Protein backbone atom coordinates (compact mmCIF):
# COMPACT_ATOMS: atom_id res chain seq x y z
CA UNK A 1 0.00 0.00 0.00
CA UNK A 2 1.41 3.38 -0.95
CA UNK A 3 0.43 7.01 -0.53
CA UNK A 4 -0.23 9.20 2.50
CA UNK A 5 -3.02 10.22 4.82
CA UNK A 6 -3.85 13.33 2.75
CA UNK A 7 -3.54 11.70 -0.65
CA UNK A 8 -4.91 8.57 -2.30
CA UNK A 9 -3.74 5.11 -1.26
CA UNK A 10 -3.27 2.55 -3.99
CA UNK A 11 -3.29 -1.14 -3.20
CA UNK A 12 -0.63 -3.30 -4.73
CA UNK A 13 -1.99 -6.24 -6.68
CA UNK A 14 -1.24 -8.65 -3.85
CA UNK A 15 -2.60 -7.59 -0.48
CA UNK A 16 -3.76 -8.97 2.84
CA UNK A 17 -7.51 -9.43 2.78
CA UNK A 18 -9.93 -10.40 5.53
CA UNK A 19 -13.07 -12.18 4.34
CA UNK A 20 -15.69 -12.35 7.07
CA UNK A 21 -18.22 -15.04 6.26
CA UNK A 22 -17.47 -18.50 4.87
CA UNK A 23 -20.85 -19.25 3.36
CA UNK A 24 -21.04 -20.24 -0.30
CA UNK A 25 -20.24 -16.77 -1.66
CA UNK A 26 -17.68 -15.82 0.97
CA UNK A 27 -15.87 -19.12 0.51
CA UNK A 28 -15.79 -18.69 -3.27
CA UNK A 29 -14.46 -15.14 -2.92
CA UNK A 30 -11.75 -16.26 -0.51
CA UNK A 31 -10.64 -19.05 -2.81
CA UNK A 32 -10.53 -16.75 -5.84
CA UNK A 33 -8.50 -14.15 -3.95
CA UNK A 34 -6.07 -16.83 -2.83
CA UNK A 35 -5.73 -18.01 -6.43
CA UNK A 36 -4.90 -14.47 -7.57
CA UNK A 37 -2.05 -14.01 -5.11
CA UNK A 38 -3.65 -12.37 -2.11
CA UNK A 39 -3.04 -13.42 1.48
CA UNK A 40 -6.55 -14.24 2.69
CA UNK A 41 -7.71 -14.54 6.29
CA UNK A 42 -11.09 -16.23 6.40
CA UNK A 43 -13.32 -15.98 9.46
CA UNK A 44 -16.68 -17.55 10.15
CA UNK A 45 -18.78 -17.87 13.28
CA UNK A 46 -18.66 -21.62 12.75
CA UNK A 47 -14.90 -22.06 12.67
CA UNK A 48 -15.08 -25.51 11.09
CA UNK A 49 -16.59 -24.06 7.95
CA UNK A 50 -13.73 -21.59 7.47
CA UNK A 51 -11.20 -24.33 8.19
CA UNK A 52 -12.78 -26.64 5.60
CA UNK A 53 -12.44 -23.92 2.95
CA UNK A 54 -8.84 -23.12 3.88
CA UNK A 55 -7.82 -26.76 3.68
CA UNK A 56 -8.68 -26.86 -0.02
CA UNK A 57 -7.59 -23.35 -1.02
CA UNK A 58 -4.18 -21.86 -1.74
CA UNK A 59 -3.41 -18.63 0.09
CA UNK A 60 -6.35 -18.90 2.50
CA UNK A 61 -5.91 -19.19 6.28
CA UNK A 62 -8.80 -19.82 8.64
CA UNK A 63 -8.66 -17.64 11.74
CA UNK A 64 -10.57 -18.04 14.99
CA UNK A 65 -11.05 -14.39 15.94
CA UNK A 66 -12.42 -11.48 13.96
CA UNK A 67 -9.83 -9.14 15.49
CA UNK A 68 -7.03 -11.33 14.18
CA UNK A 69 -8.62 -11.47 10.74
CA UNK A 70 -8.95 -7.71 10.27
CA UNK A 71 -5.77 -6.48 11.98
CA UNK A 72 -3.30 -5.40 9.30
CA UNK A 73 -5.66 -6.20 6.42
CA UNK A 74 -5.75 -3.78 3.49
CA UNK A 75 -9.33 -4.73 2.70
CA UNK A 76 -12.03 -6.27 4.87
CA UNK A 77 -14.90 -7.88 2.95
CA UNK A 78 -18.06 -8.73 4.86
CA UNK A 79 -20.15 -11.49 3.27
CA UNK A 80 -22.56 -12.26 6.08
CA UNK A 81 -26.23 -13.20 6.17
CA UNK A 82 -27.93 -9.95 7.17
CA UNK A 83 -27.53 -6.44 8.49
CA UNK A 84 -27.88 -7.41 12.14
CA UNK A 85 -25.07 -9.93 11.83
CA UNK A 86 -22.79 -7.49 10.01
CA UNK A 87 -23.46 -4.82 12.64
CA UNK A 88 -22.72 -7.20 15.50
CA UNK A 89 -19.51 -8.52 13.96
CA UNK A 90 -18.11 -5.19 12.79
CA UNK A 91 -19.01 -3.16 15.86
CA UNK A 92 -16.26 -4.93 17.75
CA UNK A 93 -13.84 -5.21 14.85
CA UNK A 94 -13.72 -1.72 13.36
CA UNK A 95 -11.38 -0.44 16.05
CA UNK A 96 -8.78 -2.99 14.93
CA UNK A 97 -8.65 -1.92 11.28
CA UNK A 98 -5.59 -0.05 10.04
CA UNK A 99 -6.13 3.63 9.28
CA UNK A 100 -5.76 3.05 5.54
CA UNK A 101 -7.92 -0.09 5.31
CA UNK A 102 -11.10 -0.25 3.21
CA UNK A 103 -14.24 -2.01 4.38
CA UNK A 104 -16.05 -3.56 1.40
CA UNK A 105 -19.54 -4.38 2.63
CA UNK A 106 -20.76 -7.07 0.19
CA UNK A 107 -23.58 -8.61 2.23
CA UNK A 108 -27.12 -8.08 0.96
CA UNK A 109 -28.58 -5.96 3.75
CA UNK A 110 -30.90 -3.49 2.00
CA UNK A 111 -30.45 0.30 1.90
CA UNK A 112 -31.64 0.97 5.46
CA UNK A 113 -29.05 -1.26 7.07
CA UNK A 114 -26.42 -0.17 4.56
CA UNK A 115 -26.91 3.35 5.90
CA UNK A 116 -26.49 2.12 9.47
CA UNK A 117 -23.26 0.36 8.52
CA UNK A 118 -21.97 3.40 6.64
CA UNK A 119 -22.58 5.45 9.79
CA UNK A 120 -20.75 2.86 11.87
CA UNK A 121 -17.75 3.06 9.54
CA UNK A 122 -17.86 6.87 9.60
CA UNK A 123 -17.91 6.91 13.41
CA UNK A 124 -14.73 4.82 13.42
CA UNK A 125 -13.00 6.77 10.64
CA UNK A 126 -12.97 3.74 8.33
CA UNK A 127 -13.26 4.00 4.53
CA UNK A 128 -16.44 2.21 3.47
CA UNK A 129 -17.92 0.90 0.24
CA UNK A 130 -21.51 -0.29 -0.03
CA UNK A 131 -20.69 -3.03 -2.51
CA UNK A 132 -22.97 -6.04 -2.95
CA UNK A 133 -22.49 -8.20 -6.02
CA UNK A 134 -24.60 -9.67 -8.77
CA UNK A 135 -23.55 -13.28 -9.21
CA UNK A 136 -23.17 -16.36 -7.07
CA UNK A 137 -20.55 -18.98 -6.32
CA UNK A 138 -19.49 -19.98 -9.85
CA UNK A 139 -18.92 -16.38 -11.05
CA UNK A 140 -17.05 -15.64 -7.82
CA UNK A 141 -14.65 -18.54 -8.39
CA UNK A 142 -14.17 -17.44 -12.00
CA UNK A 143 -13.65 -13.77 -11.17
CA UNK A 144 -16.83 -12.80 -13.02
CA UNK A 145 -18.93 -11.12 -10.36
CA UNK A 146 -20.59 -7.78 -11.12
CA UNK A 147 -19.88 -5.28 -8.37
CA UNK A 148 -22.60 -2.75 -7.51
CA UNK A 149 -20.55 -0.16 -5.68
CA UNK A 150 -21.59 3.00 -3.89
CA UNK A 151 -19.13 5.20 -2.06
CA UNK A 152 -16.50 7.87 -2.59
CA UNK A 153 -14.57 7.67 -5.86
CA UNK A 154 -11.19 7.78 -4.12
CA UNK A 155 -12.11 4.85 -1.87
CA UNK A 156 -13.24 2.83 -4.87
CA UNK A 157 -9.92 3.62 -6.55
CA UNK A 158 -8.07 2.21 -3.57
CA UNK A 159 -10.04 -1.05 -3.57
CA UNK A 160 -10.37 -1.39 -7.35
CA UNK A 161 -7.47 -3.85 -7.97
CA UNK A 162 -8.97 -6.36 -5.56
CA UNK A 163 -12.50 -5.88 -6.89
CA UNK A 164 -11.17 -6.49 -10.40
CA UNK A 165 -9.70 -9.81 -9.28
CA UNK A 166 -13.17 -10.93 -8.21
CA UNK A 167 -15.32 -9.35 -10.87
CA UNK A 168 -15.71 -8.81 -14.59
CA UNK A 169 -17.44 -5.46 -13.98
CA UNK A 170 -17.20 -2.82 -11.28
CA UNK A 171 -20.17 -0.48 -11.59
CA UNK A 172 -20.02 2.73 -9.56
CA UNK A 173 -23.71 3.40 -8.97
CA UNK A 174 -23.61 6.20 -6.40
CA UNK A 175 -21.91 7.73 -3.40
CA UNK A 176 -24.26 6.58 -0.63
CA UNK A 177 -26.07 3.25 -0.31
CA UNK A 178 -27.26 2.92 -3.90
CA UNK A 179 -25.37 -0.38 -4.25
CA UNK A 180 -27.64 -2.06 -1.72
CA UNK A 181 -30.73 -0.55 -3.33
CA UNK A 182 -29.76 -1.75 -6.81
CA UNK A 183 -28.98 -5.21 -5.41
CA UNK A 184 -32.55 -5.60 -4.13
CA UNK A 185 -33.91 -4.64 -7.54
CA UNK A 186 -31.59 -7.07 -9.33
CA UNK A 187 -32.46 -9.94 -6.99
CA UNK A 188 -36.19 -9.22 -7.29
CA UNK A 189 -35.80 -9.47 -11.07
CA UNK A 190 -33.84 -12.71 -10.72
CA UNK A 191 -36.41 -14.31 -8.44
CA UNK A 192 -39.37 -13.13 -10.53
CA UNK A 193 -37.82 -14.39 -13.76
CA UNK A 194 -37.04 -17.78 -12.21
CA UNK A 195 -40.62 -18.21 -11.00
CA UNK A 196 -41.81 -17.11 -14.45
CA UNK A 197 -39.57 -19.71 -16.13
CA UNK A 198 -41.05 -22.47 -14.00
CA UNK A 199 -44.58 -21.36 -14.81
CA UNK A 200 -43.83 -21.11 -18.52
CA UNK A 201 -42.39 -24.63 -18.48
CA UNK A 202 -45.68 -25.73 -16.97
CA UNK A 203 -47.44 -24.04 -19.89
CA UNK A 204 -45.12 -25.88 -22.32
CA UNK A 205 -46.13 -29.14 -20.66
CA UNK A 206 -49.82 -28.32 -20.96
CA UNK A 207 -49.41 -27.47 -24.66
CA UNK A 208 -47.14 -30.46 -25.35
CA UNK A 209 -44.21 -28.25 -26.35
CA UNK A 210 -40.78 -29.79 -25.89
CA UNK A 211 -38.59 -27.66 -23.62
CA UNK A 212 -35.69 -27.91 -26.07
CA UNK A 213 -37.84 -26.32 -28.76
CA UNK A 214 -38.83 -23.53 -26.37
CA UNK A 215 -35.18 -22.83 -25.53
CA UNK A 216 -34.18 -22.86 -29.21
CA UNK A 217 -36.81 -20.24 -29.98
CA UNK A 218 -35.62 -18.00 -27.14
CA UNK A 219 -31.99 -18.35 -28.20
CA UNK A 220 -32.86 -17.36 -31.77
CA UNK A 221 -34.14 -13.92 -30.76
CA UNK A 222 -33.79 -11.07 -28.27
CA UNK A 223 -35.73 -12.75 -25.45
CA UNK A 224 -32.96 -15.11 -24.35
CA UNK A 225 -31.79 -14.65 -20.75
CA UNK A 226 -28.74 -16.86 -20.15
CA UNK A 227 -29.35 -17.19 -16.41
CA UNK A 228 -32.88 -18.49 -16.92
CA UNK A 229 -31.94 -20.72 -19.86
CA UNK A 230 -29.53 -22.46 -17.49
CA UNK A 231 -32.38 -22.94 -15.05
CA UNK A 232 -34.37 -24.96 -17.60
CA UNK A 233 -31.91 -27.85 -17.36
CA UNK A 234 -31.73 -27.60 -13.57
CA UNK A 235 -35.51 -27.61 -13.32
CA UNK A 236 -35.99 -30.51 -15.72
CA UNK A 237 -33.36 -32.55 -13.88
CA UNK A 238 -34.59 -31.45 -10.43
CA UNK A 239 -30.96 -30.53 -9.83
CA UNK A 240 -31.06 -27.95 -7.07
CA UNK A 241 -27.46 -27.83 -5.86
CA UNK A 242 -27.27 -24.32 -4.47
CA UNK A 243 -25.80 -21.47 -6.38
CA UNK A 244 -28.24 -19.02 -4.81
CA UNK A 245 -30.40 -20.56 -2.10
CA UNK A 246 -34.16 -20.07 -1.94
CA UNK A 247 -33.95 -18.85 1.66
CA UNK A 248 -31.59 -16.07 0.59
CA UNK A 249 -33.85 -15.06 -2.28
CA UNK A 250 -36.75 -14.88 0.16
CA UNK A 251 -34.68 -12.77 2.57
CA UNK A 252 -33.97 -10.30 -0.23
CA UNK A 253 -37.61 -10.14 -1.33
CA UNK A 254 -38.54 -9.45 2.28
CA UNK A 255 -35.98 -6.62 2.37
CA UNK A 256 -37.51 -5.21 -0.81
CA UNK A 257 -40.99 -5.48 0.71
CA UNK A 258 -39.78 -3.55 3.76
CA UNK A 259 -38.44 -0.79 1.51
CA UNK A 260 -41.48 -0.52 -0.79
CA UNK A 261 -44.95 -2.08 -0.88
CA UNK A 262 -44.64 -5.10 -3.20
CA UNK A 263 -46.57 -5.11 -6.45
CA UNK A 264 -49.02 -7.97 -7.07
CA UNK A 265 -46.32 -9.69 -9.13
CA UNK A 266 -43.65 -9.42 -6.44
CA UNK A 267 -46.15 -10.52 -3.81
CA UNK A 268 -46.83 -13.63 -5.89
CA UNK A 269 -43.07 -14.25 -6.11
CA UNK A 270 -42.81 -13.80 -2.35
CA UNK A 271 -45.62 -16.32 -1.81
CA UNK A 272 -43.92 -18.81 -4.11
CA UNK A 273 -40.61 -18.51 -2.29
CA UNK A 274 -42.33 -18.95 1.06
CA UNK A 275 -44.10 -22.08 -0.20
CA UNK A 276 -40.81 -23.46 -1.54
CA UNK A 277 -39.11 -22.91 1.81
CA UNK A 278 -42.05 -24.52 3.61
CA UNK A 279 -41.70 -27.55 1.31
CA UNK A 280 -38.17 -28.10 2.60
CA UNK A 281 -36.19 -26.48 -0.22
CA UNK A 282 -34.85 -23.56 1.80
CA UNK A 283 -31.19 -24.41 1.20
CA UNK A 284 -31.69 -25.53 -2.41
CA UNK A 285 -31.00 -23.41 -5.45
CA UNK A 286 -33.62 -20.93 -6.60
CA UNK A 287 -34.51 -23.39 -9.38
CA UNK A 288 -36.34 -25.36 -6.68
CA UNK A 289 -39.34 -23.03 -7.10
CA UNK A 290 -40.11 -25.49 -9.90
CA UNK A 291 -40.93 -28.23 -7.36
CA UNK A 292 -44.65 -27.46 -7.77
CA UNK A 293 -44.59 -28.24 -11.49
CA UNK A 294 -42.86 -31.54 -10.82
CA UNK A 295 -45.03 -32.57 -7.87
CA UNK A 296 -47.68 -35.21 -8.63
CA UNK A 297 -51.12 -33.64 -8.86
C-alpha cells in the first residue's frame, strides 16, 4: 500500500484481505482471492466451515477471531447473512482496522441497514464501500462477479485492484447506499424471472411443447436470458445444488418489501418462495421453485 493520509492510497496487486463469512459466496471469494495471489484470512462464526475452505484453497488461512482477521488487512470484505449480523460482527472489529484499510460491505442488507453500517464506519474513521455483487458462487470462483458499488470515488480507486480480481465489472452506482438498493432490484428481477420460467415450463407441458424447442426459440431472438436458460436444465433434472439458495432469495424479497410495498407480481413471487421454503427447499438453489410443477397432482 502506498500514498499518504492526505492523498490517495493505492493497493498493490497482492494484499492482505480479511473475508468475514465462509458461506457459499464468501468461501468462493476467498478461494478466488487466494488463487490471484492475495493473502486471505477467512473468518466464520462456525470455525469448522472456514477451516474446511482453507484446507482446499491456496493462500487462505482460517482464523478463529475477527480481530485477528482484520488487523493489518488492506481490505475487509463482509459477506454475512444480514444487516444485524454485520453490525454485531463489525461493531467490535472496526477499532482494529488499520487507518488506511477499506471495508467492502458485500452482504445483501438493504439500503436501510447499509446506511447504518456506513454510519458505523464513519464513526470509526474507516473507509467504506456499499458493494454487494450480482452473481453467485461460480462467477465468484471465476472472477466474473458484477460489483454494484456506492461510495467515494477515491475509496473505490483504492479497492479497485482487488474488486477487479473478483469481478468482470465494477459499476459505480452512487456515493451513498445505492449499491444495496440496486442489489434488491436485481435480486427481485432474478427471483421473478425464475418463478416465471417455472410457470412457462408448466405451460409448455400443458401445450405439449418440448422444452428444447422452447429454448431454441428463445436463443434465436432477443428474449434469451442466459441465467434463466440455465435454469431450464436444472428444473428438468430437479438438480437444485445451491448457487443461490431459496432462503436467501426470500430474505432479499422481504428486504424489498420492507423498503417498498410489493406489487401484485412481487407478492406472488414472495408467496412462491415462502411455499418453496415450507416444502423443505430452503437451502436448495432458486430453481427449486419449480418443485410445484414436478409434484404429482
